[in-house]
Amino acid sequence: MLKERIRQLHLPPFPQSRPQALDTLLREEYGYLPPKPVSMSWEELETNPRFCAGKAPLKKVQLNCLLPSGRSFAFPVYCAVPADGKAHPAFLHINFRTSLPDMYQPSEELCDNGYAVFTFCYNDVTRDNGDFTDGLAGVLFENGERRADTDCGKIAMWAWAASRVMDYICTLPEIIHDRVSVIGHSRLGKTALLAGATDERFFCAISNDSGCSGAAVTRQKQGETVKDIVDRFPYWFCKNYYKYAGRESEMPFDQHWLIGAIAPRYAYVCSAAEDLWADPESEHLACVAAGEVYGEGGFVTCDRPPRAGDIFHGGRIGYHLRAGLHFLSREDWLNYISFLGRKL
């Protein structure tokens, strides 16, 4: 049933190489990421030793990046690492807020389960609006310089920042560097998938309710469409993406390419049963289609649409459909921990 549904969508086949797929996604949808810094430094700004009852002190660290253009950019990251002297896997959470604990991040429970947690607020990188003089955007497009058709939108800038946090994480002996998973919700779920696709150091990329232009296939999608998203949030994407508004069937790619570009590493997609704007069915179909890129064991599912409460953890692509609305919940985090525990 599911494979027949995939055939009916006429999805573009995944290219022969991962770099080719990734180049198409960057050129046609997100824009090319900013260049890597030529150098980085960091400084600890403050520490809360009582965070998580002292089990995982919270540090605020500023990352300073010198770009090839000679311009500099800095942003803060918040770090909670279990204080037990052991090396830990980690989550890198691209977050909507700076205040911790956060309704989307159960830091103490994550640390109690053996994970370090790193988080940064996307607005500290560049604000979620059309102002390209703000934050990193202002550094890249100095003096109001106009974007070219393939220049990065803000999702690509936030993904670039996730890689800079990963640069910092890789200097920390208390972290298992090849067991760091990047996660985001909604627009930041799109960002987490892009970060996972462009940076092979991430062990797993986790999309929570990311929907259109994220983890959901675009063809015959219900809810939000390309026209909807580029009309409201054109600054998330490169200008090339605008031409597919109302012309999704002409796209030379679809979102299963984004999940497939993470192969052979791990990917995880969560849907919420009442989040019809994101369209759980299209998110699930993207996992099925991307599973073919991974090959045997890529995505293990039954041959029917998912039902609320279904959890698929058998392959390299994890998926669950929970009851409820558009939200990053404790239930979601516990499912991610369960999936990663099987793979670790």
C-alpha atoms as a PDB file:
ATOM      1  CA  MET A   1       0.000   0.000   0.000  1.00  0.00           C
ATOM      2  CA  LEU A   2       2.686   2.503   1.001  1.00  0.00           C
ATOM      3  CA  LYS A   3       4.989   1.724  -1.918  1.00  0.00           C
ATOM      4  CA  GLU A   4       2.073   2.100  -4.315  1.00  0.00           C
ATOM      5  CA  ARG A   5       1.282   5.462  -2.741  1.00  0.00           C
ATOM      6  CA  ILE A   6       4.918   6.495  -3.248  1.00  0.00           C
ATOM      7  CA  ARG A   7       4.738   5.491  -6.912  1.00  0.00           C
ATOM      8  CA  GLN A   8       1.603   7.601  -7.376  1.00  0.00           C
ATOM      9  CA  LEU A   9       3.461  10.672  -6.121  1.00  0.00           C
ATOM     10  CA  HIS A  10       6.039  10.404  -8.942  1.00  0.00           C
ATOM     11  CA  LEU A  11       8.826  11.504  -6.625  1.00  0.00           C
ATOM     12  CA  PRO A  12      12.148  12.299  -8.298  1.00  0.00           C
ATOM     13  CA  PRO A  13      14.567   9.409  -7.705  1.00  0.00           C
ATOM     14  CA  PHE A  14      17.460  10.106  -5.378  1.00  0.00           C
ATOM     15  CA  PRO A  15      20.641  10.960  -7.326  1.00  0.00           C
ATOM     16  CA  GLN A  16      23.491   8.508  -7.575  1.00  0.00           C
ATOM     17  CA  SER A  17      25.542  10.490  -5.084  1.00  0.00           C
ATOM     18  CA  ARG A  18      24.741  12.218  -1.809  1.00  0.00           C
ATOM     19  CA  PRO A  19      26.766  15.371  -2.767  1.00  0.00           C
ATOM     20  CA  GLN A  20      24.655  15.756  -5.914  1.00  0.00           C
ATOM     21  CA  ALA A  21      21.415  15.576  -3.921  1.00  0.00           C
ATOM     22  CA  LEU A  22      22.732  18.026  -1.354  1.00  0.00           C
ATOM     23  CA  ASP A  23      23.907  20.495  -3.988  1.00  0.00           C
ATOM     24  CA  THR A  24      20.455  20.502  -5.582  1.00  0.00           C
ATOM     25  CA  LEU A  25      18.740  21.111  -2.232  1.00  0.00           C
ATOM     26  CA  LEU A  26      21.090  23.999  -1.436  1.00  0.00           C
ATOM     27  CA  ARG A  27      20.922  25.554  -4.896  1.00  0.00           C
ATOM     28  CA  GLU A  28      17.142  25.251  -5.296  1.00  0.00           C
ATOM     29  CA  GLU A  29      15.715  25.484  -1.766  1.00  0.00           C
ATOM     30  CA  TYR A  30      17.843  26.588   1.183  1.00  0.00           C
ATOM     31  CA  GLY A  31      20.755  28.437  -0.404  1.00  0.00           C
ATOM     32  CA  TYR A  32      24.419  27.632   0.055  1.00  0.00           C
ATOM     33  CA  LEU A  33      25.584  27.791   3.658  1.00  0.00           C
ATOM     34  CA  PRO A  34      28.026  30.520   4.719  1.00  0.00           C
ATOM     35  CA  PRO A  35      31.717  29.542   4.613  1.00  0.00           C
ATOM     36  CA  LYS A  36      33.352  27.906   7.613  1.00  0.00           C
ATOM     37  CA  PRO A  37      35.213  30.289   9.913  1.00  0.00           C
ATOM     38  CA  VAL A  38      38.951  30.594   9.406  1.00  0.00           C
ATOM     39  CA  SER A  39      39.284  30.553  13.198  1.00  0.00           C
ATOM     40  CA  MET A  40      37.126  30.249  16.296  1.00  0.00           C
ATOM     41  CA  SER A  41      37.492  31.052  19.966  1.00  0.00           C
ATOM     42  CA  TRP A  42      35.138  30.893  22.923  1.00  0.00           C
ATOM     43  CA  GLU A  43      34.764  32.323  26.366  1.00  0.00           C
ATOM     44  CA  GLU A  44      32.652  31.296  29.329  1.00  0.00           C
ATOM     45  CA  LEU A  45      30.283  34.136  30.218  1.00  0.00           C
ATOM     46  CA  GLU A  46      28.544  32.699  33.272  1.00  0.00           C
ATOM     47  CA  THR A  47      27.864  29.469  35.188  1.00  0.00           C
ATOM     48  CA  ASN A  48      24.930  28.303  37.261  1.00  0.00           C
ATOM     49  CA  PRO A  49      26.339  25.531  39.501  1.00  0.00           C
ATOM     50  CA  ARG A  50      22.871  24.759  40.941  1.00  0.00           C
ATOM     51  CA  PHE A  51      21.270  23.865  37.610  1.00  0.00           C
ATOM     52  CA  CYS A  52      19.654  20.399  37.695  1.00  0.00           C
ATOM     53  CA  ALA A  53      20.271  20.356  41.481  1.00  0.00           C
ATOM     54  CA  GLY A  54      23.993  20.584  40.770  1.00  0.00           C
ATOM     55  CA  LYS A  55      23.998  17.365  38.742  1.00  0.00           C
ATOM     56  CA  ALA A  56      24.620  19.247  35.489  1.00  0.00           C
ATOM     57  CA  PRO A  57      25.819  22.857  35.953  1.00  0.00           C
ATOM     58  CA  LEU A  58      24.665  25.239  33.250  1.00  0.00           C
ATOM     59  CA  LYS A  59      27.280  27.256  31.376  1.00  0.00           C
ATOM     60  CA  LYS A  60      26.742  30.107  28.962  1.00  0.00           C
ATOM     61  CA  VAL A  61      29.574  30.209  26.424  1.00  0.00           C
ATOM     62  CA  GLN A  62      30.094  32.765  23.669  1.00  0.00           C
ATOM     63  CA  LEU A  63      31.410  31.412  20.360  1.00  0.00           C
ATOM     64  CA  ASN A  64      33.512  33.899  18.360  1.00  0.00           C
ATOM     65  CA  CYS A  65      33.884  33.206  14.631  1.00  0.00           C
ATOM     66  CA  LEU A  66      36.258  34.918  12.200  1.00  0.00           C
ATOM     67  CA  LEU A  67      34.928  34.537   8.661  1.00  0.00           C
ATOM     68  CA  PRO A  68      37.043  34.407   5.479  1.00  0.00           C
ATOM     69  CA  SER A  69      35.766  37.908   4.632  1.00  0.00           C
ATOM     70  CA  GLY A  70      37.587  39.217   7.703  1.00  0.00           C
ATOM     71  CA  ARG A  71      34.303  39.980   9.445  1.00  0.00           C
ATOM     72  CA  SER A  72      33.529  38.510  12.860  1.00  0.00           C
ATOM     73  CA  PHE A  73      30.384  37.055  14.346  1.00  0.00           C
ATOM     74  CA  ALA A  74      29.593  35.802  17.866  1.00  0.00           C
ATOM     75  CA  PHE A  75      26.625  34.096  19.521  1.00  0.00           C
ATOM     76  CA  PRO A  76      25.971  32.308  22.848  1.00  0.00           C
ATOM     77  CA  VAL A  77      25.394  28.611  23.491  1.00  0.00           C
ATOM     78  CA  TYR A  78      24.106  27.056  26.706  1.00  0.00           C
ATOM     79  CA  CYS A  79      25.720  23.838  27.949  1.00  0.00           C
ATOM     80  CA  ALA A  80      24.500  21.357  30.574  1.00  0.00           C
ATOM     81  CA  VAL A  81      26.844  18.396  31.026  1.00  0.00           C
ATOM     82  CA  PRO A  82      26.359  15.745  33.742  1.00  0.00           C
ATOM     83  CA  ALA A  83      28.991  16.343  36.426  1.00  0.00           C
ATOM     84  CA  ASP A  84      29.888  12.697  36.986  1.00  0.00           C
ATOM     85  CA  GLY A  85      33.308  12.688  35.326  1.00  0.00           C
ATOM     86  CA  LYS A  86      32.190  10.399  32.479  1.00  0.00           C
ATOM     87  CA  ALA A  87      32.036  11.008  28.729  1.00  0.00           C
ATOM     88  CA  HIS A  88      28.490  11.473  27.441  1.00  0.00           C
ATOM     89  CA  PRO A  89      26.524  11.473  24.198  1.00  0.00           C
ATOM     90  CA  ALA A  90      24.815  14.790  23.582  1.00  0.00           C
ATOM     91  CA  PHE A  91      21.842  16.574  22.096  1.00  0.00           C
ATOM     92  CA  LEU A  92      22.331  19.859  20.279  1.00  0.00           C
ATOM     93  CA  HIS A  93      18.927  21.543  20.498  1.00  0.00           C
ATOM     94  CA  ILE A  94      18.244  24.463  18.158  1.00  0.00           C
ATOM     95  CA  ASN A  95      15.771  26.335  20.321  1.00  0.00           C
ATOM     96  CA  PHE A  96      13.224  29.147  20.130  1.00  0.00           C
ATOM     97  CA  ARG A  97      14.187  30.621  23.506  1.00  0.00           C
ATOM     98  CA  THR A  98      17.220  31.282  25.693  1.00  0.00           C
ATOM     99  CA  SER A  99      15.661  30.734  29.121  1.00  0.00           C
ATOM    100  CA  LEU A 100      16.356  27.324  30.660  1.00  0.00           C
ATOM    101  CA  PRO A 101      14.702  25.126  31.731  1.00  0.00           C
ATOM    102  CA  ASP A 102      12.449  25.456  28.694  1.00  0.00           C
ATOM    103  CA  MET A 103       9.022  24.006  27.871  1.00  0.00           C
ATOM    104  CA  TYR A 104      10.567  22.300  24.818  1.00  0.00           C
ATOM    105  CA  GLN A 105      13.683  21.015  26.627  1.00  0.00           C
ATOM    106  CA  PRO A 106      13.460  18.828  29.761  1.00  0.00           C
ATOM    107  CA  SER A 107      17.134  19.377  30.593  1.00  0.00           C
ATOM    108  CA  GLU A 108      17.217  17.543  33.916  1.00  0.00           C
ATOM    109  CA  GLU A 109      15.513  14.447  32.551  1.00  0.00           C
ATOM    110  CA  LEU A 110      17.863  14.375  29.558  1.00  0.00           C
ATOM    111  CA  CYS A 111      20.899  14.678  31.821  1.00  0.00           C
ATOM    112  CA  ASP A 112      19.488  12.018  34.174  1.00  0.00           C
ATOM    113  CA  ASN A 113      19.322   9.718  31.135  1.00  0.00           C
ATOM    114  CA  GLY A 114      23.034  10.250  30.520  1.00  0.00           C
ATOM    115  CA  TYR A 115      22.969  12.988  27.872  1.00  0.00           C
ATOM    116  CA  ALA A 116      24.697  16.336  27.798  1.00  0.00           C
ATOM    117  CA  VAL A 117      22.539  19.106  26.321  1.00  0.00           C
ATOM    118  CA  PHE A 118      23.757  22.035  24.231  1.00  0.00           C
ATOM    119  CA  THR A 119      21.271  24.635  23.060  1.00  0.00           C
ATOM    120  CA  PHE A 120      21.242  27.965  21.282  1.00  0.00           C
ATOM    121  CA  CYS A 121      18.436  30.349  20.443  1.00  0.00           C
ATOM    122  CA  TYR A 122      17.983  30.829  16.711  1.00  0.00           C
ATOM    123  CA  ASN A 123      17.258  34.551  17.165  1.00  0.00           C
ATOM    124  CA  ASP A 124      20.732  34.970  18.702  1.00  0.00           C
ATOM    125  CA  VAL A 125      22.136  33.978  15.285  1.00  0.00           C
ATOM    126  CA  THR A 126      19.811  36.018  13.100  1.00  0.00           C
ATOM    127  CA  ARG A 127      16.252  37.024  13.831  1.00  0.00           C
ATOM    128  CA  ASP A 128      13.306  35.185  12.348  1.00  0.00           C
ATOM    129  CA  ASN A 129      12.219  37.934   9.978  1.00  0.00           C
ATOM    130  CA  GLY A 130      13.066  39.498   6.638  1.00  0.00           C
ATOM    131  CA  ASP A 131      15.743  41.804   8.043  1.00  0.00           C
ATOM    132  CA  PHE A 132      19.018  40.787   6.401  1.00  0.00           C
ATOM    133  CA  THR A 133      20.968  43.443   8.288  1.00  0.00           C
ATOM    134  CA  ASP A 134      20.479  41.549  11.569  1.00  0.00           C
ATOM    135  CA  GLY A 135      23.000  39.233  13.268  1.00  0.00           C
ATOM    136  CA  LEU A 136      24.796  36.793  10.988  1.00  0.00           C
ATOM    137  CA  ALA A 137      22.714  37.989   8.027  1.00  0.00           C
ATOM    138  CA  GLY A 138      24.096  41.493   8.533  1.00  0.00           C
ATOM    139  CA  VAL A 139      27.641  40.149   8.589  1.00  0.00           C
ATOM    140  CA  LEU A 140      27.105  38.166   5.385  1.00  0.00           C
ATOM    141  CA  PHE A 141      25.181  40.890   3.537  1.00  0.00           C
ATOM    142  CA  GLU A 142      26.924  43.994   4.778  1.00  0.00           C
ATOM    143  CA  ASN A 143      25.398  47.384   3.966  1.00  0.00           C
ATOM    144  CA  GLY A 144      22.130  45.858   2.766  1.00  0.00           C
ATOM    145  CA  GLU A 145      23.784  43.873  -0.038  1.00  0.00           C
ATOM    146  CA  ARG A 146      21.127  42.032  -2.066  1.00  0.00           C
ATOM    147  CA  ARG A 147      20.980  38.254  -1.991  1.00  0.00           C
ATOM    148  CA  ALA A 148      21.720  36.331  -5.176  1.00  0.00           C
ATOM    149  CA  ASP A 149      19.293  33.555  -6.167  1.00  0.00           C
ATOM    150  CA  THR A 150      21.349  30.826  -4.469  1.00  0.00           C
ATOM    151  CA  ASP A 151      22.472  32.774  -1.395  1.00  0.00           C
ATOM    152  CA  CYS A 152      21.463  31.337   1.946  1.00  0.00           C
ATOM    153  CA  GLY A 153      18.158  31.966   3.621  1.00  0.00           C
ATOM    154  CA  LYS A 154      17.855  32.024   7.378  1.00  0.00           C
ATOM    155  CA  ILE A 155      17.316  28.266   7.792  1.00  0.00           C
ATOM    156  CA  ALA A 156      20.754  27.740   6.237  1.00  0.00           C
ATOM    157  CA  MET A 157      22.239  30.365   8.605  1.00  0.00           C
ATOM    158  CA  TRP A 158      20.781  28.600  11.648  1.00  0.00           C
ATOM    159  CA  ALA A 159      22.132  25.278  10.341  1.00  0.00           C
ATOM    160  CA  TRP A 160      25.565  26.887   9.924  1.00  0.00           C
ATOM    161  CA  ALA A 161      25.408  27.971  13.571  1.00  0.00           C
ATOM    162  CA  ALA A 162      24.651  24.391  14.628  1.00  0.00           C
ATOM    163  CA  SER A 163      27.888  23.319  12.961  1.00  0.00           C
ATOM    164  CA  ARG A 164      29.789  26.012  14.836  1.00  0.00           C
ATOM    165  CA  VAL A 165      28.414  24.632  18.109  1.00  0.00           C
ATOM    166  CA  MET A 166      29.583  21.215  16.916  1.00  0.00           C
ATOM    167  CA  ASP A 167      33.048  22.692  16.351  1.00  0.00           C
ATOM    168  CA  TYR A 168      33.055  23.690  20.022  1.00  0.00           C
ATOM    169  CA  ILE A 169      31.627  20.367  21.235  1.00  0.00           C
ATOM    170  CA  CYS A 170      34.442  18.502  19.483  1.00  0.00           C
ATOM    171  CA  THR A 171      36.958  20.200  21.809  1.00  0.00           C
ATOM    172  CA  LEU A 172      35.291  18.874  24.970  1.00  0.00           C
ATOM    173  CA  PRO A 173      36.682  15.619  26.411  1.00  0.00           C
ATOM    174  CA  GLU A 174      33.485  15.064  28.429  1.00  0.00           C
ATOM    175  CA  ILE A 175      31.478  14.536  25.217  1.00  0.00           C
ATOM    176  CA  ILE A 176      31.509  11.473  22.930  1.00  0.00           C
ATOM    177  CA  HIS A 177      32.074  13.429  19.741  1.00  0.00           C
ATOM    178  CA  ASP A 178      30.632  10.884  17.314  1.00  0.00           C
ATOM    179  CA  ARG A 179      27.408  10.538  19.316  1.00  0.00           C
ATOM    180  CA  VAL A 180      25.975  14.047  19.042  1.00  0.00           C
ATOM    181  CA  SER A 181      22.411  14.390  17.698  1.00  0.00           C
ATOM    182  CA  VAL A 182      20.961  17.656  16.396  1.00  0.00           C
ATOM    183  CA  ILE A 183      17.273  18.350  17.038  1.00  0.00           C
ATOM    184  CA  GLY A 184      14.736  21.077  16.319  1.00  0.00           C
ATOM    185  CA  HIS A 185      10.984  21.625  16.269  1.00  0.00           C
ATOM    186  CA  SER A 186       8.871  23.085  13.442  1.00  0.00           C
ATOM    187  CA  ARG A 187      11.012  25.507  11.357  1.00  0.00           C
ATOM    188  CA  LEU A 188      13.954  24.455  13.509  1.00  0.00           C
ATOM    189  CA  GLY A 189      13.186  20.815  12.656  1.00  0.00           C
ATOM    190  CA  LYS A 190      13.803  21.796   9.042  1.00  0.00           C
ATOM    191  CA  THR A 191      17.025  23.387  10.260  1.00  0.00           C
ATOM    192  CA  ALA A 192      18.104  20.261  12.173  1.00  0.00           C
ATOM    193  CA  LEU A 193      17.637  18.077   9.085  1.00  0.00           C
ATOM    194  CA  LEU A 194      19.662  20.513   6.980  1.00  0.00           C
ATOM    195  CA  ALA A 195      22.398  20.622   9.629  1.00  0.00           C
ATOM    196  CA  GLY A 196      22.486  16.824   9.696  1.00  0.00           C
ATOM    197  CA  ALA A 197      22.633  16.623   5.914  1.00  0.00           C
ATOM    198  CA  THR A 198      25.433  19.198   5.542  1.00  0.00           C
ATOM    199  CA  ASP A 199      27.565  18.170   8.534  1.00  0.00           C
ATOM    200  CA  GLU A 200      28.562  14.505   8.672  1.00  0.00           C
ATOM    201  CA  ARG A 201      29.733  14.810  12.276  1.00  0.00           C
ATOM    202  CA  PHE A 202      26.156  14.603  13.550  1.00  0.00           C
ATOM    203  CA  PHE A 203      25.226  11.088  14.617  1.00  0.00           C
ATOM    204  CA  CYS A 204      21.501  11.674  14.128  1.00  0.00           C
ATOM    205  CA  ALA A 205      19.299  14.519  12.858  1.00  0.00           C
ATOM    206  CA  ILE A 206      15.878  14.798  14.510  1.00  0.00           C
ATOM    207  CA  SER A 207      12.904  16.607  12.977  1.00  0.00           C
ATOM    208  CA  ASN A 208       9.963  17.322  15.271  1.00  0.00           C
ATOM    209  CA  ASP A 209       6.825  18.374  13.337  1.00  0.00           C
ATOM    210  CA  SER A 210       8.817  20.120  10.585  1.00  0.00           C
ATOM    211  CA  GLY A 211       6.270  19.641   7.778  1.00  0.00           C
ATOM    212  CA  CYS A 212       6.489  21.568   4.519  1.00  0.00           C
ATOM    213  CA  SER A 213      10.051  22.132   3.243  1.00  0.00           C
ATOM    214  CA  GLY A 214      11.239  19.922   6.096  1.00  0.00           C
ATOM    215  CA  ALA A 215      10.411  16.249   6.624  1.00  0.00           C
ATOM    216  CA  ALA A 216       7.209  16.112   4.527  1.00  0.00           C
ATOM    217  CA  VAL A 217       7.130  15.231   0.842  1.00  0.00           C
ATOM    218  CA  THR A 218       5.812  18.191  -1.135  1.00  0.00           C
ATOM    219  CA  ARG A 219       3.857  16.541  -3.932  1.00  0.00           C
ATOM    220  CA  GLN A 220       0.141  16.144  -3.114  1.00  0.00           C
ATOM    221  CA  LYS A 221       0.809  17.409   0.397  1.00  0.00           C
ATOM    222  CA  GLN A 222      -2.123  18.436   2.581  1.00  0.00           C
ATOM    223  CA  GLY A 223      -1.958  21.556   4.747  1.00  0.00           C
ATOM    224  CA  GLU A 224       0.924  23.966   4.118  1.00  0.00           C
ATOM    225  CA  THR A 225       2.237  24.222   0.556  1.00  0.00           C
ATOM    226  CA  VAL A 226       5.325  25.792  -1.001  1.00  0.00           C
ATOM    227  CA  LYS A 227       3.208  28.819  -1.975  1.00  0.00           C
ATOM    228  CA  ASP A 228       1.969  29.187   1.594  1.00  0.00           C
ATOM    229  CA  ILE A 229       5.450  29.028   3.069  1.00  0.00           C
ATOM    230  CA  VAL A 230       7.286  31.292   0.628  1.00  0.00           C
ATOM    231  CA  ASP A 231       4.484  33.867   0.773  1.00  0.00           C
ATOM    232  CA  ARG A 232       4.778  34.079   4.586  1.00  0.00           C
ATOM    233  CA  PHE A 233       8.443  33.221   5.173  1.00  0.00           C
ATOM    234  CA  PRO A 234      10.422  33.950   2.000  1.00  0.00           C
ATOM    235  CA  TYR A 235      13.503  34.782   4.067  1.00  0.00           C
ATOM    236  CA  TRP A 236      13.847  31.167   5.263  1.00  0.00           C
ATOM    237  CA  PHE A 237      14.902  30.039   1.783  1.00  0.00           C
ATOM    238  CA  CYS A 238      16.999  31.052  -1.181  1.00  0.00           C
ATOM    239  CA  LYS A 239      15.236  33.017  -3.911  1.00  0.00           C
ATOM    240  CA  ASN A 240      15.368  30.063  -6.319  1.00  0.00           C
ATOM    241  CA  TYR A 241      12.773  28.278  -4.194  1.00  0.00           C
ATOM    242  CA  TYR A 242      10.093  30.865  -4.885  1.00  0.00           C
ATOM    243  CA  LYS A 243       9.614  29.642  -8.464  1.00  0.00           C
ATOM    244  CA  TYR A 244       8.123  26.363  -7.208  1.00  0.00           C
ATOM    245  CA  ALA A 245       5.149  28.067  -5.530  1.00  0.00           C
ATOM    246  CA  GLY A 246       2.106  26.338  -7.028  1.00  0.00           C
ATOM    247  CA  ARG A 247       4.436  24.257  -9.224  1.00  0.00           C
ATOM    248  CA  GLU A 248       5.485  21.522  -6.812  1.00  0.00           C
ATOM    249  CA  SER A 249       5.200  18.801  -9.465  1.00  0.00           C
ATOM    250  CA  GLU A 250       7.982  20.544 -11.437  1.00  0.00           C
ATOM    251  CA  MET A 251      10.479  20.419  -8.582  1.00  0.00           C
ATOM    252  CA  PRO A 252      13.546  18.337  -9.586  1.00  0.00           C
ATOM    253  CA  PHE A 253      13.749  17.085  -5.979  1.00  0.00           C
ATOM    254  CA  ASP A 254      11.505  16.456  -3.004  1.00  0.00           C
ATOM    255  CA  GLN A 255      12.021  16.369   0.748  1.00  0.00           C
ATOM    256  CA  HIS A 256      12.883  12.673   0.934  1.00  0.00           C
ATOM    257  CA  TRP A 257      16.186  13.823  -0.584  1.00  0.00           C
ATOM    258  CA  LEU A 258      16.898  15.819   2.584  1.00  0.00           C
ATOM    259  CA  ILE A 259      16.399  12.769   4.806  1.00  0.00           C
ATOM    260  CA  GLY A 260      18.276  10.587   2.322  1.00  0.00           C
ATOM    261  CA  ALA A 261      21.239  13.001   2.318  1.00  0.00           C
ATOM    262  CA  ILE A 262      21.815  12.103   5.981  1.00  0.00           C
ATOM    263  CA  ALA A 263      22.504   8.448   5.076  1.00  0.00           C
ATOM    264  CA  PRO A 264      24.168   6.268   6.221  1.00  0.00           C
ATOM    265  CA  ARG A 265      23.860   8.073   9.559  1.00  0.00           C
ATOM    266  CA  TYR A 266      20.610   8.184  11.516  1.00  0.00           C
ATOM    267  CA  ALA A 267      17.527  10.343  11.006  1.00  0.00           C
ATOM    268  CA  TYR A 268      14.352  10.625  13.054  1.00  0.00           C
ATOM    269  CA  VAL A 269      11.001  12.191  12.144  1.00  0.00           C
ATOM    270  CA  CYS A 270       8.161  12.848  14.578  1.00  0.00           C
ATOM    271  CA  SER A 271       4.614  13.759  13.590  1.00  0.00           C
ATOM    272  CA  ALA A 272       1.616  14.848  15.671  1.00  0.00           C
ATOM    273  CA  ALA A 273      -1.782  13.414  14.763  1.00  0.00           C
ATOM    274  CA  GLU A 274      -3.599  16.768  14.968  1.00  0.00           C
ATOM    275  CA  ASP A 275      -0.864  18.764  13.221  1.00  0.00           C
ATOM    276  CA  LEU A 276      -2.602  18.709   9.849  1.00  0.00           C
ATOM    277  CA  TRP A 277      -0.760  21.833   8.620  1.00  0.00           C
ATOM    278  CA  ALA A 278       2.489  19.853   8.767  1.00  0.00           C
ATOM    279  CA  ASP A 279       0.661  16.763   7.374  1.00  0.00           C
ATOM    280  CA  PRO A 280       1.739  13.606   9.256  1.00  0.00           C
ATOM    281  CA  GLU A 281       0.970  11.373   6.257  1.00  0.00           C
ATOM    282  CA  SER A 282       3.415  13.282   4.021  1.00  0.00           C
ATOM    283  CA  GLU A 283       6.094  13.188   6.741  1.00  0.00           C
ATOM    284  CA  HIS A 284       5.674   9.426   7.061  1.00  0.00           C
ATOM    285  CA  LEU A 285       5.797   8.957   3.274  1.00  0.00           C
ATOM    286  CA  ALA A 286       9.056  10.917   3.158  1.00  0.00           C
ATOM    287  CA  CYS A 287      10.550   8.400   5.596  1.00  0.00           C
ATOM    288  CA  VAL A 288       9.336   5.500   3.467  1.00  0.00           C
ATOM    289  CA  ALA A 289      10.785   7.063   0.300  1.00  0.00           C
ATOM    290  CA  ALA A 290      14.078   7.982   1.988  1.00  0.00           C
ATOM    291  CA  GLY A 291      14.358   4.445   3.343  1.00  0.00           C
ATOM    292  CA  GLU A 292      15.127   3.266  -0.182  1.00  0.00           C
ATOM    293  CA  VAL A 293      18.242   5.441  -0.154  1.00  0.00           C
ATOM    294  CA  TYR A 294      19.458   3.716   3.000  1.00  0.00           C
ATOM    295  CA  GLY A 295      18.767   0.268   1.600  1.00  0.00           C
ATOM    296  CA  GLU A 296      17.877  -2.749   3.695  1.00  0.00           C
ATOM    297  CA  GLY A 297      17.042  -1.699   7.233  1.00  0.00           C
ATOM    298  CA  GLY A 298      16.656   1.947   6.278  1.00  0.00           C
ATOM    299  CA  PHE A 299      13.080   2.347   7.441  1.00  0.00           C
ATOM    300  CA  VAL A 300      11.166  -0.505   9.030  1.00  0.00           C
ATOM    301  CA  THR A 301       7.398   0.074   8.875  1.00  0.00           C
ATOM    302  CA  CYS A 302       4.188  -1.813   8.299  1.00  0.00           C
ATOM    303  CA  ASP A 303       2.430  -1.447   4.952  1.00  0.00           C
ATOM    304  CA  ARG A 304      -0.223   1.038   6.091  1.00  0.00           C
ATOM    305  CA  PRO A 305      -0.483   4.689   7.132  1.00  0.00           C
ATOM    306  CA  PRO A 306       0.578   5.219  10.758  1.00  0.00           C
ATOM    307  CA  ARG A 307      -1.858   5.607  13.637  1.00  0.00           C
ATOM    308  CA  ALA A 308      -1.410   7.743  16.743  1.00  0.00           C
ATOM    309  CA  GLY A 309       0.833   5.824  19.106  1.00  0.00           C
ATOM    310  CA  ASP A 310       2.806   4.028  16.363  1.00  0.00           C
ATOM    311  CA  ILE A 311       6.571   3.931  16.950  1.00  0.00           C
ATOM    312  CA  PHE A 312       9.026   2.626  14.339  1.00  0.00           C
ATOM    313  CA  HIS A 313      12.523   2.218  15.770  1.00  0.00           C
ATOM    314  CA  GLY A 314      13.868  -0.758  13.852  1.00  0.00           C
ATOM    315  CA  GLY A 315      15.869   0.915  11.089  1.00  0.00           C
ATOM    316  CA  ARG A 316      18.235   3.823  10.569  1.00  0.00           C
ATOM    317  CA  ILE A 317      15.268   6.160  10.150  1.00  0.00           C
ATOM    318  CA  GLY A 318      13.135   6.419  13.277  1.00  0.00           C
ATOM    319  CA  TYR A 319       9.545   7.641  13.281  1.00  0.00           C
ATOM    320  CA  HIS A 320       6.665   8.057  15.670  1.00  0.00           C
ATOM    321  CA  LEU A 321       3.182   9.534  15.453  1.00  0.00           C
ATOM    322  CA  ARG A 322       1.867  10.793  18.753  1.00  0.00           C
ATOM    323  CA  ALA A 323      -1.513  12.155  19.711  1.00  0.00           C
ATOM    324  CA  GLY A 324      -1.972  15.900  20.063  1.00  0.00           C
ATOM    325  CA  LEU A 325      -0.902  19.147  18.480  1.00  0.00           C
ATOM    326  CA  HIS A 326       2.166  20.915  17.099  1.00  0.00           C
ATOM    327  CA  PHE A 327       4.558  20.742  20.065  1.00  0.00           C
ATOM    328  CA  LEU A 328       7.909  19.325  21.203  1.00  0.00           C
ATOM    329  CA  SER A 329       6.822  17.225  24.160  1.00  0.00           C
ATOM    330  CA  ARG A 330       8.364  15.094  26.873  1.00  0.00           C
ATOM    331  CA  GLU A 331       6.857  12.078  25.083  1.00  0.00           C
ATOM    332  CA  ASP A 332       8.806  13.004  21.949  1.00  0.00           C
ATOM    333  CA  TRP A 333      12.098  13.323  23.855  1.00  0.00           C
ATOM    334  CA  LEU A 334      11.591   9.934  25.539  1.00  0.00           C
ATOM    335  CA  ASN A 335      11.052   8.355  22.131  1.00  0.00           C
ATOM    336  CA  TYR A 336      14.267   9.955  20.856  1.00  0.00           C
ATOM    337  CA  ILE A 337      16.169   8.627  23.867  1.00  0.00           C
ATOM    338  CA  SER A 338      14.740   5.160  23.281  1.00  0.00           C
ATOM    339  CA  PHE A 339      15.701   5.192  19.592  1.00  0.00           C
ATOM    340  CA  LEU A 340      19.214   6.480  20.218  1.00  0.00           C
ATOM    341  CA  GLY A 341      19.725   4.016  23.057  1.00  0.00           C
ATOM    342  CA  ARG A 342      19.204   1.185  20.579  1.00  0.00           C
ATOM    343  CA  LYS A 343      21.761   2.687  18.179  1.00  0.00           C
ATOM    344  CA  LEU A 344      24.375   3.652  20.782  1.00  0.00           C
END
